[in-house]
Amino acid sequence: MPRKNELPRISRAAAIRVTLSVALVLGATCLVLQSTVWHDAEPAEADQYYTELPGVDLSGLQPAEKDALLKRLNKLHCPCDCLRTIASCRNRHTSCTTSLAIARQAVEAAKKR
């Protein structure tokens, strides 16, 4: 006689079918996620080299300092998840306050040197 709190047992074949079904569903889910959400997003186009930073005053820098700063900001990626560099984000995503703050801080740091 089965105990009151004991669950009914299933056969080994049924357990294998359930396990394989769960594995199939999980595998298919991971495959779908890999091809959509988990796929590494690429920027729409390759970033070009920008010589201006909208909203950032570069006038106080010497030409060599300005070139070095622009080179650095054309390589440094923006943390706003736009997948662009700071310079590209300033030129193409002008509403981004993160790239604006980073670029302005970089200019102030370059002026202090």
Protein backbone atom coordinates (compact mmCIF):
# COMPACT_ATOMS: atom_id res chain seq x y z
CA MET A 1 0.00 0.00 0.00
CA PRO A 2 1.49 3.35 -1.00
CA ARG A 3 2.11 5.98 1.62
CA LYS A 4 -0.01 9.11 1.70
CA ASN A 5 2.86 11.52 0.91
CA GLU A 6 4.49 9.36 -1.75
CA LEU A 7 4.17 10.41 -5.37
CA PRO A 8 3.32 7.83 -8.01
CA ARG A 9 6.34 6.40 -9.79
CA ILE A 10 6.80 6.53 -13.55
CA SER A 11 8.51 3.96 -15.69
CA ARG A 12 12.11 4.29 -16.84
CA ALA A 13 11.00 4.74 -20.47
CA ALA A 14 8.66 7.58 -19.47
CA ALA A 15 11.45 9.26 -17.50
CA ILE A 16 13.77 9.04 -20.51
CA ARG A 17 11.08 10.53 -22.79
CA VAL A 18 10.51 13.42 -20.38
CA THR A 19 14.25 14.07 -20.08
CA LEU A 20 14.75 14.02 -23.85
CA SER A 21 11.75 16.32 -24.35
CA VAL A 22 13.12 18.83 -21.85
CA ALA A 23 16.57 18.66 -23.49
CA LEU A 24 15.02 19.22 -26.91
CA VAL A 25 13.03 22.24 -25.72
CA LEU A 26 16.07 23.74 -23.94
CA GLY A 27 18.28 23.13 -26.96
CA ALA A 28 15.80 24.73 -29.35
CA THR A 29 15.39 27.70 -26.99
CA CYS A 30 19.16 28.22 -26.79
CA LEU A 31 19.43 27.98 -30.57
CA VAL A 32 16.74 30.62 -31.06
CA LEU A 33 18.30 32.90 -28.44
CA GLN A 34 21.76 32.50 -29.99
CA SER A 35 20.50 33.56 -33.38
CA THR A 36 18.53 36.54 -32.03
CA VAL A 37 19.12 38.05 -28.59
CA TRP A 38 22.52 36.54 -27.78
CA HIS A 39 23.95 37.24 -31.22
CA ASP A 40 26.72 39.83 -31.05
CA ALA A 41 25.19 42.93 -32.55
CA GLU A 42 27.30 44.74 -35.09
CA PRO A 43 27.15 48.46 -35.75
CA ALA A 44 25.13 49.32 -38.84
CA GLU A 45 28.30 50.36 -40.64
CA ALA A 46 31.98 50.57 -39.96
CA ASP A 47 32.92 53.69 -38.02
CA GLN A 48 34.82 56.35 -39.86
CA TYR A 49 37.46 58.65 -38.40
CA TYR A 50 35.82 61.78 -37.00
CA THR A 51 37.66 65.10 -36.69
CA GLU A 52 34.89 66.98 -34.88
CA LEU A 53 32.93 66.29 -31.71
CA PRO A 54 29.52 68.03 -31.70
CA GLY A 55 28.85 69.73 -28.37
CA VAL A 56 32.50 69.60 -27.32
CA ASP A 57 34.76 72.67 -27.44
CA LEU A 58 38.17 71.66 -28.81
CA SER A 59 39.38 75.25 -29.33
CA GLY A 60 41.73 75.37 -26.32
CA LEU A 61 43.87 72.47 -27.55
CA GLN A 62 47.08 72.64 -29.54
CA PRO A 63 46.91 70.81 -32.91
CA ALA A 64 49.03 67.90 -31.63
CA GLU A 65 46.88 67.58 -28.48
CA LYS A 66 43.70 67.73 -30.54
CA ASP A 67 44.97 65.02 -32.92
CA ALA A 68 45.98 62.76 -30.02
CA LEU A 69 42.62 63.29 -28.31
CA LEU A 70 40.64 62.62 -31.49
CA LYS A 71 42.69 59.49 -32.17
CA ARG A 72 41.92 58.20 -28.68
CA LEU A 73 38.19 59.06 -28.83
CA ASN A 74 37.93 57.42 -32.27
CA LYS A 75 39.17 54.16 -30.68
CA LEU A 76 37.50 54.24 -27.24
CA HIS A 77 34.06 52.60 -27.26
CA CYS A 78 31.09 54.38 -25.72
CA PRO A 79 29.53 52.59 -22.73
CA CYS A 80 25.99 53.63 -23.81
CA ASP A 81 25.53 50.31 -25.70
CA CYS A 82 25.43 51.95 -29.14
CA LEU A 83 28.46 49.84 -30.20
CA ARG A 84 30.23 52.95 -31.49
CA THR A 85 33.31 54.85 -30.49
CA ILE A 86 33.00 58.02 -28.42
CA ALA A 87 33.69 60.17 -31.51
CA SER A 88 31.20 58.24 -33.62
CA CYS A 89 28.58 58.39 -30.89
CA ARG A 90 29.02 62.18 -30.64
CA ASN A 91 28.54 62.53 -34.40
CA ARG A 92 25.78 59.99 -34.99
CA HIS A 93 24.01 59.67 -31.63
CA THR A 94 24.07 63.30 -30.53
CA SER A 95 21.46 62.82 -27.81
CA CYS A 96 23.86 60.57 -25.88
CA THR A 97 24.87 62.35 -22.69
CA THR A 98 27.38 59.64 -21.79
CA SER A 99 29.63 60.27 -24.80
CA LEU A 100 29.25 64.02 -24.30
CA ALA A 101 30.41 63.82 -20.68
CA ILE A 102 33.32 61.51 -21.53
CA ALA A 103 34.47 63.70 -24.43
CA ARG A 104 34.26 66.88 -22.34
CA GLN A 105 36.21 65.26 -19.49
CA ALA A 106 38.86 64.09 -21.95
CA VAL A 107 39.21 67.63 -23.35
CA GLU A 108 39.56 69.10 -19.85
CA ALA A 109 42.18 66.48 -18.97
CA ALA A 110 44.08 67.23 -22.19
CA LYS A 111 44.04 70.96 -21.41
CA LYS A 112 45.54 70.36 -17.93
CA ARG A 113 48.55 68.50 -19.33
